[in-house]
Amino acid sequence: MESNGSTMSARLIAMAVSLVGDAGVVRNHMRCSEADFIAYCDGQKELNATMLEAVVALIVHEQGSLIAKNREMLGELRKRRDAEKPAS
């Protein structure tokens, strides 16, 4: 099998690494060896159900954190905007 990193496993891991910002954190969350992690990333090996659940849970958690940060930033921007509006 030719490794091109385009398997579902590789794409999910890439997404998780992009969100977390650290491949080591993702690998530790998956609780797999470095050799297995590389095989998943290279598309040579597919995630089993347990690994898939761990990666998806990490992605959902990180997405939730980003959404919360964005909401907080929007709230602050709205407060500033409202404070700058002239009273009518």
N, C-alpha and C. Protein backbone atom coordinates (compact mmCIF):
# COMPACT_ATOMS: atom_id res chain seq x y z
N MET A 1 0.83 -1.18 0.00
CA MET A 1 0.00 0.00 0.00
C MET A 1 0.88 1.25 0.00
N GLU A 2 0.60 2.14 -0.88
CA GLU A 2 1.36 3.38 -0.97
C GLU A 2 0.89 4.34 0.11
N SER A 3 1.84 4.95 0.84
CA SER A 3 1.44 5.89 1.89
C SER A 3 1.36 7.30 1.31
N ASN A 4 0.19 7.89 1.43
CA ASN A 4 0.03 9.26 0.95
C ASN A 4 -0.63 10.15 1.98
N GLY A 5 -0.92 9.59 3.17
CA GLY A 5 -1.49 10.39 4.24
C GLY A 5 -2.90 10.86 3.97
N SER A 6 -3.61 10.22 3.02
CA SER A 6 -4.95 10.68 2.68
C SER A 6 -6.05 9.79 3.25
N THR A 7 -5.72 8.91 4.17
CA THR A 7 -6.75 8.07 4.78
C THR A 7 -7.56 8.90 5.78
N MET A 8 -8.70 8.38 6.16
CA MET A 8 -9.52 9.05 7.17
C MET A 8 -8.71 9.24 8.45
N SER A 9 -7.97 8.23 8.84
CA SER A 9 -7.16 8.32 10.05
C SER A 9 -6.16 9.46 9.97
N ALA A 10 -5.46 9.52 8.86
CA ALA A 10 -4.45 10.57 8.68
C ALA A 10 -5.08 11.94 8.68
N ARG A 11 -6.23 12.08 8.04
CA ARG A 11 -6.90 13.39 7.99
C ARG A 11 -7.41 13.81 9.36
N LEU A 12 -7.98 12.88 10.12
CA LEU A 12 -8.45 13.21 11.46
C LEU A 12 -7.29 13.58 12.39
N ILE A 13 -6.22 12.85 12.29
CA ILE A 13 -5.05 13.15 13.12
C ILE A 13 -4.49 14.52 12.73
N ALA A 14 -4.42 14.80 11.44
CA ALA A 14 -3.94 16.11 10.99
C ALA A 14 -4.82 17.23 11.53
N MET A 15 -6.13 17.01 11.54
CA MET A 15 -7.05 18.01 12.07
C MET A 15 -6.80 18.21 13.57
N ALA A 16 -6.64 17.11 14.28
CA ALA A 16 -6.38 17.19 15.73
C ALA A 16 -5.07 17.93 16.01
N VAL A 17 -4.04 17.61 15.26
CA VAL A 17 -2.74 18.28 15.45
C VAL A 17 -2.86 19.76 15.14
N SER A 18 -3.60 20.09 14.10
CA SER A 18 -3.79 21.49 13.74
C SER A 18 -4.51 22.25 14.86
N LEU A 19 -5.53 21.64 15.43
CA LEU A 19 -6.29 22.29 16.51
C LEU A 19 -5.50 22.39 17.80
N VAL A 20 -4.79 21.32 18.15
CA VAL A 20 -4.05 21.28 19.40
C VAL A 20 -2.72 22.03 19.27
N GLY A 21 -2.12 21.94 18.10
CA GLY A 21 -0.84 22.62 17.87
C GLY A 21 0.38 21.81 18.25
N ASP A 22 0.19 20.53 18.59
CA ASP A 22 1.33 19.71 19.02
C ASP A 22 1.03 18.24 18.75
N ALA A 23 1.79 17.64 17.85
CA ALA A 23 1.59 16.24 17.51
C ALA A 23 1.82 15.33 18.71
N GLY A 24 2.75 15.69 19.57
CA GLY A 24 3.02 14.88 20.76
C GLY A 24 1.83 14.79 21.70
N VAL A 25 1.11 15.88 21.84
CA VAL A 25 -0.09 15.89 22.69
C VAL A 25 -1.14 14.95 22.10
N VAL A 26 -1.31 15.01 20.79
CA VAL A 26 -2.28 14.14 20.12
C VAL A 26 -1.87 12.67 20.29
N ARG A 27 -0.61 12.38 20.07
CA ARG A 27 -0.12 11.00 20.21
C ARG A 27 -0.32 10.51 21.64
N ASN A 28 0.00 11.35 22.63
CA ASN A 28 -0.20 10.96 24.03
C ASN A 28 -1.68 10.72 24.33
N HIS A 29 -2.55 11.54 23.77
CA HIS A 29 -3.99 11.37 23.96
C HIS A 29 -4.46 10.05 23.36
N MET A 30 -3.86 9.67 22.25
CA MET A 30 -4.21 8.41 21.59
C MET A 30 -3.62 7.21 22.32
N ARG A 31 -2.61 7.46 23.14
CA ARG A 31 -1.91 6.39 23.88
C ARG A 31 -1.37 5.32 22.94
N CYS A 32 -0.64 5.79 21.94
CA CYS A 32 -0.04 4.83 21.00
C CYS A 32 1.46 5.11 20.91
N SER A 33 2.17 4.17 20.36
CA SER A 33 3.61 4.33 20.20
C SER A 33 3.91 5.34 19.10
N GLU A 34 5.12 5.84 19.11
CA GLU A 34 5.51 6.78 18.07
C GLU A 34 5.47 6.12 16.69
N ALA A 35 5.87 4.85 16.62
CA ALA A 35 5.86 4.13 15.34
C ALA A 35 4.43 3.98 14.82
N ASP A 36 3.49 3.63 15.71
CA ASP A 36 2.09 3.52 15.28
C ASP A 36 1.55 4.88 14.86
N PHE A 37 1.88 5.92 15.62
CA PHE A 37 1.40 7.27 15.29
C PHE A 37 1.87 7.67 13.89
N ILE A 38 3.11 7.40 13.59
CA ILE A 38 3.65 7.71 12.26
C ILE A 38 2.92 6.90 11.19
N ALA A 39 2.65 5.62 11.48
CA ALA A 39 1.92 4.77 10.52
C ALA A 39 0.51 5.32 10.28
N TYR A 40 -0.16 5.78 11.34
CA TYR A 40 -1.49 6.39 11.17
C TYR A 40 -1.39 7.65 10.32
N CYS A 41 -0.42 8.49 10.64
CA CYS A 41 -0.25 9.76 9.91
C CYS A 41 0.12 9.54 8.45
N ASP A 42 0.87 8.50 8.17
CA ASP A 42 1.30 8.20 6.80
C ASP A 42 0.24 7.44 6.00
N GLY A 43 -0.85 7.07 6.65
CA GLY A 43 -1.90 6.34 5.95
C GLY A 43 -1.60 4.87 5.79
N GLN A 44 -0.63 4.37 6.54
CA GLN A 44 -0.28 2.95 6.44
C GLN A 44 -1.13 2.09 7.37
N LYS A 45 -1.81 2.75 8.29
CA LYS A 45 -2.59 2.03 9.29
C LYS A 45 -3.84 2.85 9.60
N GLU A 46 -4.98 2.17 9.77
CA GLU A 46 -6.24 2.85 10.12
C GLU A 46 -6.47 2.79 11.62
N LEU A 47 -7.13 3.80 12.15
CA LEU A 47 -7.47 3.83 13.57
C LEU A 47 -8.50 2.75 13.89
N ASN A 48 -8.33 2.08 15.03
CA ASN A 48 -9.38 1.18 15.48
C ASN A 48 -10.45 2.02 16.18
N ALA A 49 -11.53 1.41 16.62
CA ALA A 49 -12.65 2.15 17.20
C ALA A 49 -12.24 2.95 18.43
N THR A 50 -11.39 2.40 19.27
CA THR A 50 -10.95 3.10 20.49
C THR A 50 -10.12 4.32 20.14
N MET A 51 -9.20 4.17 19.21
CA MET A 51 -8.35 5.29 18.78
C MET A 51 -9.18 6.35 18.07
N LEU A 52 -10.11 5.91 17.23
CA LEU A 52 -10.97 6.84 16.52
C LEU A 52 -11.76 7.68 17.52
N GLU A 53 -12.32 7.03 18.53
CA GLU A 53 -13.08 7.75 19.55
C GLU A 53 -12.20 8.76 20.28
N ALA A 54 -10.96 8.38 20.59
CA ALA A 54 -10.05 9.29 21.28
C ALA A 54 -9.74 10.52 20.44
N VAL A 55 -9.48 10.32 19.15
CA VAL A 55 -9.15 11.44 18.27
C VAL A 55 -10.37 12.35 18.08
N VAL A 56 -11.53 11.75 17.85
CA VAL A 56 -12.74 12.55 17.66
C VAL A 56 -13.06 13.33 18.95
N ALA A 57 -12.93 12.70 20.11
CA ALA A 57 -13.18 13.38 21.38
C ALA A 57 -12.24 14.57 21.55
N LEU A 58 -10.98 14.39 21.18
CA LEU A 58 -10.02 15.49 21.28
C LEU A 58 -10.39 16.63 20.33
N ILE A 59 -10.78 16.30 19.12
CA ILE A 59 -11.19 17.32 18.14
C ILE A 59 -12.42 18.08 18.66
N VAL A 60 -13.40 17.36 19.18
CA VAL A 60 -14.62 18.00 19.70
C VAL A 60 -14.27 18.91 20.87
N HIS A 61 -13.41 18.45 21.75
CA HIS A 61 -13.01 19.27 22.90
C HIS A 61 -12.31 20.55 22.44
N GLU A 62 -11.37 20.41 21.52
CA GLU A 62 -10.63 21.58 21.03
C GLU A 62 -11.54 22.55 20.28
N GLN A 63 -12.46 22.01 19.49
CA GLN A 63 -13.43 22.87 18.79
C GLN A 63 -14.29 23.61 19.80
N GLY A 64 -14.73 22.93 20.85
CA GLY A 64 -15.52 23.57 21.90
C GLY A 64 -14.75 24.69 22.57
N SER A 65 -13.46 24.47 22.81
CA SER A 65 -12.63 25.51 23.42
C SER A 65 -12.51 26.71 22.50
N LEU A 66 -12.33 26.47 21.21
CA LEU A 66 -12.23 27.57 20.25
C LEU A 66 -13.53 28.36 20.16
N ILE A 67 -14.64 27.66 20.17
CA ILE A 67 -15.94 28.32 20.12
C ILE A 67 -16.12 29.19 21.36
N ALA A 68 -15.77 28.67 22.53
CA ALA A 68 -15.89 29.45 23.77
C ALA A 68 -15.01 30.70 23.72
N LYS A 69 -13.79 30.56 23.23
CA LYS A 69 -12.89 31.72 23.11
C LYS A 69 -13.45 32.74 22.14
N ASN A 70 -13.98 32.28 21.02
CA ASN A 70 -14.56 33.19 20.03
C ASN A 70 -15.77 33.93 20.60
N ARG A 71 -16.60 33.22 21.34
CA ARG A 71 -17.76 33.87 21.96
C ARG A 71 -17.32 34.93 22.95
N GLU A 72 -16.30 34.62 23.73
CA GLU A 72 -15.77 35.58 24.70
C GLU A 72 -15.22 36.82 23.99
N MET A 73 -14.46 36.60 22.93
CA MET A 73 -13.91 37.74 22.16
C MET A 73 -15.03 38.57 21.56
N LEU A 74 -16.05 37.93 21.00
CA LEU A 74 -17.18 38.66 20.43
C LEU A 74 -17.90 39.47 21.51
N GLY A 75 -18.07 38.88 22.68
CA GLY A 75 -18.70 39.59 23.78
C GLY A 75 -17.93 40.85 24.16
N GLU A 76 -16.61 40.73 24.20
CA GLU A 76 -15.76 41.89 24.52
C GLU A 76 -15.86 42.96 23.43
N LEU A 77 -15.84 42.54 22.19
CA LEU A 77 -15.97 43.49 21.08
C LEU A 77 -17.31 44.20 21.13
N ARG A 78 -18.36 43.47 21.42
CA ARG A 78 -19.69 44.09 21.50
C ARG A 78 -19.77 45.08 22.66
N LYS A 79 -19.15 44.74 23.79
CA LYS A 79 -19.12 45.66 24.93
C LYS A 79 -18.42 46.96 24.56
N ARG A 80 -17.26 46.83 23.89
CA ARG A 80 -16.51 48.02 23.47
C ARG A 80 -17.31 48.84 22.48
N ARG A 81 -17.93 48.14 21.53
CA ARG A 81 -18.74 48.84 20.53
C ARG A 81 -19.88 49.59 21.19
N ASP A 82 -20.55 48.93 22.12
CA ASP A 82 -21.68 49.56 22.80
C ASP A 82 -21.23 50.71 23.69
N ALA A 83 -20.05 50.60 24.28
CA ALA A 83 -19.55 51.67 25.13
C ALA A 83 -19.16 52.91 24.30
N GLU A 84 -18.78 52.69 23.06
CA GLU A 84 -18.37 53.80 22.19
C GLU A 84 -19.53 54.47 21.50
N LYS A 85 -20.71 53.87 21.53
CA LYS A 85 -21.88 54.47 20.87
C LYS A 85 -22.30 55.71 21.64
N PRO A 86 -22.58 56.77 20.90
CA PRO A 86 -23.07 57.98 21.59
C PRO A 86 -24.49 57.73 22.13
N ALA A 87 -24.74 58.31 23.29
CA ALA A 87 -26.08 58.18 23.89
C ALA A 87 -27.09 58.96 23.06
N SER A 88 -28.25 58.38 22.84
CA SER A 88 -29.28 59.06 22.06
C SER A 88 -30.31 59.68 22.97
